[in-house]
């Protein structure tokens, strides 16, 4: 078990709710802010925190990249991959 008593240490001595403390630590680690007021103690817990930080960076990169993916395909000369781009669905034409 990774979360044993004393696995995560707070910088000051105030007592707070343990589950909210762990949620706070996870959010700060996932966003890679890393305030340092809550720190992991021990090798396994530090590795878990590092993995969580890497996951946060990858999540952000993928979330930002996905909306730009169709634009990247068009500028790089890739073949279309949707039915409307292949001409199966004809675009609306104006009558003159």
Foldseek 3Di string as FASTA:
>chain_A
DQDDPPQKDFQDDDDDDPVVVVVVLLVCLLCVVCPPRIGGDDDVVVVVSVVSNVNSVVVVVCVVVVVCVVVVCVVVVHQDDDCVSVCVDPDDDDDD
